[in-house]
């Protein structure tokens, strides 16, 4: 199934634009029937606010690539637990790469979510299993995330060198 770019923000933005048209129409109709232009003036401000808010929400869904990253609040971070390390099935001549698999239970839905790190040329070690990592999720684009694994790998490396020095 193809993931289209139009999400909840586009829907809400569209509703706000339609609402602005309805508010403006009510202001015009009441002003014409009563002969008092103050009704139109009173309705024009909320209509303008709805148009601007709706336009901004629609724009957020339509932006792509790097422009999307410049918008504030486009990302959230969560903690996930490392479940294991997997490697790709290599074919002749390919280099073996490893991936860290992390999971987390979504508190709202109760479902287990799975995240995969970037590839590594070397096995990161079994010491990472059970540890927590940060996952940065792009809230505007479903399925786009980054597993922040480098800090954990550095921490484990320091622990290993500390253990070796203690012996």
N, C-alpha and C. Protein backbone atom coordinates (compact mmCIF):
# COMPACT_ATOMS: atom_id res chain seq x y z
N UNK A 1 0.85 -1.18 0.00
CA UNK A 1 0.00 0.00 0.00
C UNK A 1 0.89 1.24 0.00
N UNK A 2 0.61 2.19 -0.85
CA UNK A 2 1.43 3.39 -0.97
C UNK A 2 1.06 4.37 0.12
N UNK A 3 2.07 4.99 0.73
CA UNK A 3 1.85 5.97 1.77
C UNK A 3 1.76 7.35 1.13
N UNK A 4 0.57 7.96 1.12
CA UNK A 4 0.48 9.28 0.52
C UNK A 4 0.92 10.33 1.53
N UNK A 5 1.19 11.54 1.05
CA UNK A 5 1.72 12.59 1.90
C UNK A 5 0.65 13.35 2.65
N UNK A 6 -0.60 13.09 2.38
CA UNK A 6 -1.66 13.87 2.97
C UNK A 6 -2.15 13.18 4.24
N UNK A 7 -1.91 13.80 5.36
CA UNK A 7 -2.26 13.19 6.63
C UNK A 7 -3.29 13.98 7.38
N UNK A 8 -3.24 13.83 8.69
CA UNK A 8 -4.20 14.46 9.58
C UNK A 8 -4.15 15.98 9.48
N UNK A 9 -2.93 16.56 9.35
CA UNK A 9 -2.82 18.01 9.25
C UNK A 9 -3.54 18.55 8.03
N UNK A 10 -3.47 17.85 6.91
CA UNK A 10 -4.16 18.30 5.71
C UNK A 10 -5.67 18.26 5.91
N UNK A 11 -6.15 17.22 6.56
CA UNK A 11 -7.58 17.11 6.82
C UNK A 11 -8.06 18.23 7.75
N UNK A 12 -7.35 18.45 8.84
CA UNK A 12 -7.73 19.51 9.79
C UNK A 12 -7.61 20.87 9.12
N UNK A 13 -6.54 21.08 8.34
CA UNK A 13 -6.36 22.35 7.63
C UNK A 13 -7.49 22.61 6.66
N UNK A 14 -7.91 21.59 5.94
CA UNK A 14 -9.02 21.73 5.01
C UNK A 14 -10.32 22.09 5.71
N UNK A 15 -10.54 21.46 6.86
CA UNK A 15 -11.74 21.77 7.65
C UNK A 15 -11.70 23.22 8.12
N UNK A 16 -10.53 23.69 8.56
CA UNK A 16 -10.41 25.08 9.01
C UNK A 16 -10.66 26.07 7.87
N UNK A 17 -10.17 25.77 6.68
CA UNK A 17 -10.41 26.66 5.53
C UNK A 17 -11.90 26.68 5.20
N UNK A 18 -12.55 25.53 5.20
CA UNK A 18 -14.00 25.49 4.95
C UNK A 18 -14.78 26.23 6.04
N UNK A 19 -14.32 26.08 7.28
CA UNK A 19 -14.97 26.79 8.39
C UNK A 19 -14.84 28.29 8.20
N UNK A 20 -13.68 28.75 7.73
CA UNK A 20 -13.49 30.19 7.51
C UNK A 20 -14.47 30.70 6.45
N UNK A 21 -14.69 29.89 5.40
CA UNK A 21 -15.65 30.29 4.38
C UNK A 21 -17.06 30.38 4.95
N UNK A 22 -17.41 29.44 5.80
CA UNK A 22 -18.74 29.45 6.41
C UNK A 22 -18.91 30.67 7.32
N UNK A 23 -17.88 30.99 8.10
CA UNK A 23 -17.96 32.16 9.00
C UNK A 23 -18.10 33.44 8.19
N UNK A 24 -17.31 33.55 7.12
CA UNK A 24 -17.39 34.75 6.27
C UNK A 24 -18.77 34.85 5.63
N UNK A 25 -19.32 33.73 5.17
CA UNK A 25 -20.65 33.74 4.54
C UNK A 25 -21.72 34.17 5.53
N UNK A 26 -21.61 33.67 6.76
CA UNK A 26 -22.58 34.06 7.79
C UNK A 26 -22.50 35.57 8.04
N UNK A 27 -21.29 36.10 8.11
CA UNK A 27 -21.11 37.54 8.32
C UNK A 27 -21.71 38.36 7.21
N UNK A 28 -21.51 37.91 5.96
CA UNK A 28 -22.06 38.64 4.81
C UNK A 28 -23.59 38.59 4.82
N UNK A 29 -24.16 37.41 5.05
CA UNK A 29 -25.62 37.25 5.02
C UNK A 29 -26.29 38.07 6.11
N UNK A 30 -25.75 37.98 7.33
CA UNK A 30 -26.36 38.72 8.44
C UNK A 30 -26.22 40.22 8.21
N UNK A 31 -25.08 40.66 7.70
CA UNK A 31 -24.88 42.09 7.42
C UNK A 31 -25.86 42.60 6.37
N UNK A 32 -26.08 41.81 5.31
CA UNK A 32 -27.02 42.22 4.27
C UNK A 32 -28.45 42.26 4.79
N UNK A 33 -28.83 41.31 5.60
CA UNK A 33 -30.22 41.26 6.09
C UNK A 33 -30.51 42.35 7.12
N UNK A 34 -29.51 42.66 7.93
CA UNK A 34 -29.73 43.67 8.98
C UNK A 34 -29.34 45.07 8.53
N UNK A 35 -28.52 45.15 7.49
CA UNK A 35 -28.05 46.46 7.04
C UNK A 35 -26.94 47.00 7.92
N UNK A 36 -26.41 46.18 8.81
CA UNK A 36 -25.35 46.60 9.73
C UNK A 36 -24.05 45.89 9.37
N UNK A 37 -23.04 46.64 8.97
CA UNK A 37 -21.78 46.03 8.52
C UNK A 37 -20.93 45.51 9.68
N UNK A 38 -21.31 45.79 10.90
CA UNK A 38 -20.52 45.32 12.04
C UNK A 38 -20.52 43.79 12.14
N UNK A 39 -21.59 43.16 11.68
CA UNK A 39 -21.63 41.69 11.70
C UNK A 39 -20.56 41.10 10.78
N UNK A 40 -20.41 41.74 9.60
CA UNK A 40 -19.37 41.28 8.68
C UNK A 40 -17.99 41.47 9.29
N UNK A 41 -17.77 42.62 9.92
CA UNK A 41 -16.47 42.90 10.55
C UNK A 41 -16.20 41.91 11.68
N UNK A 42 -17.22 41.59 12.45
CA UNK A 42 -17.04 40.66 13.58
C UNK A 42 -16.73 39.25 13.09
N UNK A 43 -17.23 38.87 11.94
CA UNK A 43 -16.99 37.53 11.40
C UNK A 43 -15.70 37.45 10.59
N UNK A 44 -15.22 38.58 10.11
CA UNK A 44 -14.04 38.52 9.24
C UNK A 44 -12.77 38.15 10.01
N UNK A 45 -12.65 38.55 11.26
CA UNK A 45 -11.45 38.23 12.03
C UNK A 45 -11.33 36.73 12.29
N UNK A 46 -12.37 36.06 12.83
CA UNK A 46 -12.23 34.61 13.01
C UNK A 46 -12.07 33.87 11.68
N UNK A 47 -12.67 34.39 10.61
CA UNK A 47 -12.51 33.75 9.30
C UNK A 47 -11.06 33.84 8.85
N UNK A 48 -10.44 34.99 9.04
CA UNK A 48 -9.03 35.15 8.65
C UNK A 48 -8.13 34.24 9.48
N UNK A 49 -8.41 34.12 10.77
CA UNK A 49 -7.62 33.24 11.64
C UNK A 49 -7.73 31.79 11.18
N UNK A 50 -8.92 31.36 10.83
CA UNK A 50 -9.13 29.99 10.36
C UNK A 50 -8.42 29.73 9.03
N UNK A 51 -8.42 30.72 8.15
CA UNK A 51 -7.73 30.56 6.86
C UNK A 51 -6.23 30.40 7.08
N UNK A 52 -5.65 31.26 7.91
CA UNK A 52 -4.21 31.19 8.16
C UNK A 52 -3.83 29.88 8.84
N UNK A 53 -4.58 29.50 9.88
CA UNK A 53 -4.27 28.26 10.60
C UNK A 53 -4.42 27.05 9.68
N UNK A 54 -5.47 27.02 8.89
CA UNK A 54 -5.67 25.90 7.96
C UNK A 54 -4.57 25.84 6.91
N UNK A 55 -4.19 26.99 6.39
CA UNK A 55 -3.12 27.03 5.40
C UNK A 55 -1.79 26.54 5.94
N UNK A 56 -1.47 26.92 7.18
CA UNK A 56 -0.23 26.46 7.80
C UNK A 56 -0.25 24.95 8.00
N UNK A 57 -1.37 24.42 8.43
CA UNK A 57 -1.46 22.97 8.66
C UNK A 57 -1.33 22.20 7.34
N UNK A 58 -1.95 22.69 6.30
CA UNK A 58 -1.85 22.03 4.99
C UNK A 58 -0.41 22.12 4.48
N UNK A 59 0.20 23.27 4.65
CA UNK A 59 1.59 23.48 4.20
C UNK A 59 2.53 22.49 4.88
N UNK A 60 2.33 22.23 6.17
CA UNK A 60 3.21 21.30 6.89
C UNK A 60 3.18 19.90 6.28
N UNK A 61 2.04 19.47 5.80
CA UNK A 61 1.94 18.14 5.19
C UNK A 61 2.51 18.12 3.78
N UNK A 62 2.48 19.24 3.09
CA UNK A 62 2.93 19.26 1.71
C UNK A 62 4.43 19.49 1.55
N UNK A 63 5.10 20.00 2.58
CA UNK A 63 6.54 20.20 2.50
C UNK A 63 7.25 18.86 2.43
N UNK A 64 8.34 18.81 1.69
CA UNK A 64 9.08 17.56 1.56
C UNK A 64 10.54 17.77 1.91
N UNK A 65 11.22 16.67 2.14
CA UNK A 65 12.67 16.65 2.30
C UNK A 65 13.19 17.58 3.36
N UNK A 66 14.26 18.34 3.03
CA UNK A 66 14.93 19.19 3.99
C UNK A 66 14.04 20.32 4.49
N UNK A 67 13.14 20.82 3.66
CA UNK A 67 12.24 21.89 4.09
C UNK A 67 11.41 21.43 5.27
N UNK A 68 11.04 20.16 5.28
CA UNK A 68 10.22 19.61 6.34
C UNK A 68 11.00 19.60 7.66
N UNK A 69 12.31 19.37 7.60
CA UNK A 69 13.11 19.29 8.80
C UNK A 69 13.28 20.65 9.47
N UNK A 70 13.06 21.72 8.74
CA UNK A 70 13.22 23.05 9.30
C UNK A 70 12.03 23.48 10.15
N UNK A 71 10.94 22.76 10.07
CA UNK A 71 9.76 23.13 10.83
C UNK A 71 9.92 22.72 12.29
N UNK A 72 9.53 23.58 13.24
CA UNK A 72 9.66 23.22 14.65
C UNK A 72 8.66 22.14 15.04
N UNK A 73 9.02 21.32 15.99
CA UNK A 73 8.11 20.32 16.52
C UNK A 73 7.88 19.14 15.60
N UNK A 74 8.76 18.92 14.62
CA UNK A 74 8.55 17.84 13.68
C UNK A 74 9.12 16.52 14.14
N UNK A 75 9.58 16.47 15.36
CA UNK A 75 10.26 15.27 15.81
C UNK A 75 9.94 15.01 17.27
N UNK A 76 9.88 13.74 17.61
CA UNK A 76 9.73 13.37 19.02
C UNK A 76 10.71 12.25 19.33
N UNK A 77 11.08 12.15 20.57
CA UNK A 77 12.02 11.11 20.96
C UNK A 77 11.35 10.15 21.93
N UNK A 78 11.71 8.89 21.80
CA UNK A 78 11.21 7.86 22.70
C UNK A 78 12.38 6.99 23.12
N UNK A 79 12.17 6.18 24.13
CA UNK A 79 13.17 5.21 24.57
C UNK A 79 12.70 3.84 24.13
N UNK A 80 13.64 3.05 23.61
CA UNK A 80 13.34 1.68 23.18
C UNK A 80 14.41 0.77 23.74
N UNK A 81 14.07 -0.50 23.91
CA UNK A 81 15.00 -1.48 24.47
C UNK A 81 15.58 -2.32 23.34
N UNK A 82 16.90 -2.51 23.41
CA UNK A 82 17.57 -3.33 22.40
C UNK A 82 17.21 -4.79 22.62
N UNK A 83 16.63 -5.41 21.60
CA UNK A 83 16.23 -6.82 21.68
C UNK A 83 17.29 -7.74 21.11
N UNK A 84 18.04 -7.27 20.14
CA UNK A 84 19.04 -8.14 19.54
C UNK A 84 19.77 -7.49 18.39
N UNK A 85 20.66 -8.28 17.81
CA UNK A 85 21.45 -7.84 16.66
C UNK A 85 21.22 -8.86 15.55
N UNK A 86 21.00 -8.37 14.36
CA UNK A 86 20.81 -9.26 13.22
C UNK A 86 21.81 -8.87 12.14
N UNK A 87 22.04 -9.78 11.22
CA UNK A 87 22.93 -9.46 10.10
C UNK A 87 22.20 -9.77 8.81
N UNK A 88 22.68 -9.15 7.74
CA UNK A 88 22.03 -9.40 6.46
C UNK A 88 22.48 -10.74 5.90
N UNK A 89 21.66 -11.29 5.07
CA UNK A 89 22.05 -12.52 4.38
C UNK A 89 22.85 -12.09 3.17
N UNK A 90 24.12 -12.36 3.20
CA UNK A 90 24.97 -11.86 2.14
C UNK A 90 25.04 -12.82 0.96
N UNK A 91 25.24 -12.23 -0.17
CA UNK A 91 25.47 -13.03 -1.38
C UNK A 91 26.96 -12.96 -1.69
N UNK A 92 27.40 -13.72 -2.64
CA UNK A 92 28.83 -13.79 -2.97
C UNK A 92 29.39 -12.40 -3.23
N UNK A 93 30.48 -12.07 -2.55
CA UNK A 93 31.15 -10.81 -2.74
C UNK A 93 30.64 -9.66 -1.90
N UNK A 94 29.51 -9.82 -1.23
CA UNK A 94 28.99 -8.75 -0.39
C UNK A 94 29.58 -8.83 1.00
N UNK A 95 29.67 -7.70 1.63
CA UNK A 95 30.18 -7.61 2.99
C UNK A 95 29.02 -7.82 3.97
N UNK A 96 29.28 -8.53 5.05
CA UNK A 96 28.26 -8.73 6.07
C UNK A 96 28.08 -7.45 6.86
N UNK A 97 26.85 -7.03 7.06
CA UNK A 97 26.55 -5.88 7.90
C UNK A 97 25.57 -6.29 8.99
N UNK A 98 25.60 -5.56 10.11
CA UNK A 98 24.79 -5.88 11.27
C UNK A 98 23.83 -4.73 11.56
N UNK A 99 22.68 -5.07 12.13
CA UNK A 99 21.66 -4.10 12.50
C UNK A 99 21.23 -4.36 13.93
N UNK A 100 20.99 -3.29 14.68
CA UNK A 100 20.50 -3.42 16.04
C UNK A 100 18.97 -3.29 15.98
N UNK A 101 18.28 -4.25 16.60
CA UNK A 101 16.82 -4.27 16.62
C UNK A 101 16.34 -3.81 18.00
N UNK A 102 15.47 -2.81 18.02
CA UNK A 102 14.95 -2.26 19.28
C UNK A 102 13.43 -2.34 19.27
N UNK A 103 12.85 -2.49 20.44
CA UNK A 103 11.39 -2.53 20.54
C UNK A 103 10.92 -1.66 21.69
N UNK A 104 9.65 -1.32 21.61
CA UNK A 104 9.00 -0.54 22.67
C UNK A 104 7.51 -0.81 22.60
N UNK A 105 6.87 -0.85 23.74
CA UNK A 105 5.41 -0.97 23.77
C UNK A 105 4.81 0.42 23.76
N UNK A 106 3.96 0.68 22.77
CA UNK A 106 3.29 1.97 22.69
C UNK A 106 2.28 2.06 23.83
N UNK A 107 2.41 3.08 24.70
CA UNK A 107 1.49 3.17 25.84
C UNK A 107 0.04 3.43 25.45
N UNK A 108 -0.19 4.01 24.26
CA UNK A 108 -1.56 4.29 23.85
C UNK A 108 -2.25 3.08 23.25
N UNK A 109 -1.56 2.36 22.38
CA UNK A 109 -2.18 1.24 21.69
C UNK A 109 -1.86 -0.11 22.32
N UNK A 110 -0.76 -0.17 23.11
CA UNK A 110 -0.34 -1.43 23.70
C UNK A 110 0.42 -2.32 22.73
N UNK A 111 0.58 -1.89 21.50
CA UNK A 111 1.28 -2.68 20.49
C UNK A 111 2.79 -2.51 20.63
N UNK A 112 3.50 -3.57 20.26
CA UNK A 112 4.96 -3.50 20.26
C UNK A 112 5.44 -2.90 18.95
N UNK A 113 6.26 -1.86 19.05
CA UNK A 113 6.82 -1.21 17.87
C UNK A 113 8.28 -1.65 17.75
N UNK A 114 8.73 -1.88 16.53
CA UNK A 114 10.10 -2.34 16.28
C UNK A 114 10.84 -1.30 15.46
N UNK A 115 12.10 -1.04 15.85
CA UNK A 115 12.94 -0.08 15.16
C UNK A 115 14.28 -0.74 14.84
N UNK A 116 14.84 -0.43 13.67
CA UNK A 116 16.10 -1.01 13.23
C UNK A 116 17.11 0.11 13.04
N UNK A 117 18.31 -0.10 13.55
CA UNK A 117 19.36 0.91 13.44
C UNK A 117 19.95 0.93 12.05
N UNK A 118 20.86 1.86 11.83
CA UNK A 118 21.64 1.89 10.60
C UNK A 118 22.55 0.67 10.61
N UNK A 119 23.18 0.38 9.51
CA UNK A 119 24.04 -0.80 9.42
C UNK A 119 25.42 -0.53 10.03
N UNK A 120 26.03 -1.62 10.54
CA UNK A 120 27.37 -1.58 11.10
C UNK A 120 28.21 -2.63 10.40
N UNK A 121 29.47 -2.29 10.14
CA UNK A 121 30.38 -3.24 9.50
C UNK A 121 30.87 -4.31 10.47
N UNK A 122 30.88 -3.97 11.77
CA UNK A 122 31.36 -4.91 12.79
C UNK A 122 30.21 -5.26 13.73
N UNK A 123 30.28 -6.46 14.28
CA UNK A 123 29.28 -6.90 15.26
C UNK A 123 29.38 -6.01 16.50
N UNK A 124 28.29 -5.36 16.90
CA UNK A 124 28.37 -4.41 18.01
C UNK A 124 28.51 -5.07 19.39
N UNK A 125 28.32 -6.37 19.47
CA UNK A 125 28.48 -7.08 20.74
C UNK A 125 27.16 -7.36 21.42
N UNK A 126 27.15 -8.45 22.18
CA UNK A 126 25.91 -8.85 22.86
C UNK A 126 25.63 -7.99 24.09
N UNK A 127 26.60 -7.18 24.51
CA UNK A 127 26.42 -6.33 25.69
C UNK A 127 25.34 -5.27 25.51
N UNK A 128 25.00 -4.98 24.28
CA UNK A 128 23.98 -3.94 24.07
C UNK A 128 22.56 -4.46 24.29
N UNK A 129 22.40 -5.77 24.28
CA UNK A 129 21.05 -6.35 24.42
C UNK A 129 20.51 -6.03 25.80
N UNK A 130 19.28 -5.54 25.83
CA UNK A 130 18.61 -5.19 27.08
C UNK A 130 18.81 -3.73 27.48
N UNK A 131 19.70 -3.03 26.81
CA UNK A 131 19.95 -1.62 27.12
C UNK A 131 18.92 -0.74 26.41
N UNK A 132 18.82 0.50 26.90
CA UNK A 132 17.89 1.46 26.29
C UNK A 132 18.62 2.37 25.32
N UNK A 133 17.94 2.69 24.23
CA UNK A 133 18.45 3.65 23.25
C UNK A 133 17.36 4.68 22.97
N UNK A 134 17.77 5.81 22.43
CA UNK A 134 16.83 6.85 22.03
C UNK A 134 16.48 6.66 20.56
N UNK A 135 15.19 6.77 20.26
CA UNK A 135 14.73 6.72 18.87
C UNK A 135 14.09 8.07 18.57
N UNK A 136 14.57 8.72 17.52
CA UNK A 136 14.02 10.01 17.09
C UNK A 136 13.05 9.74 15.95
N UNK A 137 11.79 10.12 16.17
CA UNK A 137 10.74 9.84 15.19
C UNK A 137 10.26 11.14 14.55
N UNK A 138 10.17 11.13 13.23
CA UNK A 138 9.62 12.27 12.50
C UNK A 138 8.10 12.16 12.57
N UNK A 139 7.47 13.07 13.33
CA UNK A 139 6.02 12.96 13.53
C UNK A 139 5.21 13.30 12.30
N UNK A 140 5.83 13.93 11.31
CA UNK A 140 5.08 14.29 10.10
C UNK A 140 5.14 13.23 9.03
N UNK A 141 6.11 12.33 9.11
CA UNK A 141 6.25 11.33 8.05
C UNK A 141 6.28 9.94 8.68
N UNK A 142 5.21 9.22 8.49
CA UNK A 142 5.08 7.90 9.10
C UNK A 142 6.20 6.97 8.64
N UNK A 143 6.81 6.30 9.62
CA UNK A 143 7.85 5.33 9.31
C UNK A 143 9.25 5.90 9.22
N UNK A 144 9.41 7.21 9.38
CA UNK A 144 10.74 7.82 9.30
C UNK A 144 11.26 8.02 10.73
N UNK A 145 12.40 7.39 11.02
CA UNK A 145 12.99 7.49 12.36
C UNK A 145 14.48 7.24 12.29
N UNK A 146 15.17 7.53 13.40
CA UNK A 146 16.59 7.28 13.54
C UNK A 146 16.84 6.69 14.91
N UNK A 147 17.57 5.58 14.96
CA UNK A 147 17.95 4.97 16.24
C UNK A 147 19.29 5.56 16.63
N UNK A 148 19.32 6.25 17.77
CA UNK A 148 20.55 6.86 18.26
C UNK A 148 21.34 5.81 19.04
N UNK A 149 22.20 5.09 18.37
CA UNK A 149 22.92 3.97 18.97
C UNK A 149 24.37 4.30 19.30
N UNK A 150 24.91 5.35 18.71
CA UNK A 150 26.33 5.66 18.87
C UNK A 150 26.75 5.89 20.32
N UNK A 151 25.93 6.61 21.10
CA UNK A 151 26.26 6.86 22.51
C UNK A 151 26.35 5.54 23.29
N UNK A 152 25.43 4.63 23.04
CA UNK A 152 25.45 3.34 23.73
C UNK A 152 26.69 2.54 23.34
N UNK A 153 27.03 2.54 22.09
CA UNK A 153 28.22 1.80 21.64
C UNK A 153 29.49 2.38 22.28
N UNK A 154 29.54 3.69 22.39
CA UNK A 154 30.70 4.35 23.03
C UNK A 154 30.76 4.00 24.52
N UNK A 155 29.61 3.98 25.17
CA UNK A 155 29.53 3.62 26.59
C UNK A 155 30.02 2.19 26.82
N UNK A 156 29.59 1.29 25.97
CA UNK A 156 30.00 -0.12 26.10
C UNK A 156 31.50 -0.26 25.84
N UNK A 157 32.00 0.49 24.87
CA UNK A 157 33.43 0.46 24.57
C UNK A 157 34.24 0.91 25.79
N UNK A 158 33.77 1.96 26.47
CA UNK A 158 34.45 2.45 27.68
C UNK A 158 34.39 1.42 28.79
N UNK A 159 33.21 0.76 28.92
CA UNK A 159 33.07 -0.29 29.95
C UNK A 159 34.06 -1.42 29.68
N UNK A 160 34.21 -1.81 28.42
CA UNK A 160 35.12 -2.91 28.08
C UNK A 160 36.56 -2.52 28.40
N UNK A 161 36.95 -1.31 28.02
CA UNK A 161 38.34 -0.90 28.29
C UNK A 161 38.57 -0.73 29.79
N UNK A 162 37.55 -0.32 30.51
CA UNK A 162 37.66 -0.21 31.98
C UNK A 162 37.80 -1.57 32.63
N UNK A 163 37.09 -2.59 32.13
CA UNK A 163 37.18 -3.95 32.66
C UNK A 163 38.56 -4.55 32.37
N UNK A 164 39.07 -4.28 31.17
CA UNK A 164 40.38 -4.81 30.80
C UNK A 164 41.48 -4.20 31.66
N UNK A 165 41.34 -2.91 31.98
CA UNK A 165 42.35 -2.23 32.78
C UNK A 165 42.29 -2.69 34.24
N UNK A 166 41.08 -3.05 34.71
CA UNK A 166 40.91 -3.50 36.09
C UNK A 166 41.55 -4.86 36.32
N UNK A 167 41.66 -5.68 35.27
CA UNK A 167 42.22 -7.01 35.40
C UNK A 167 43.67 -6.97 35.49
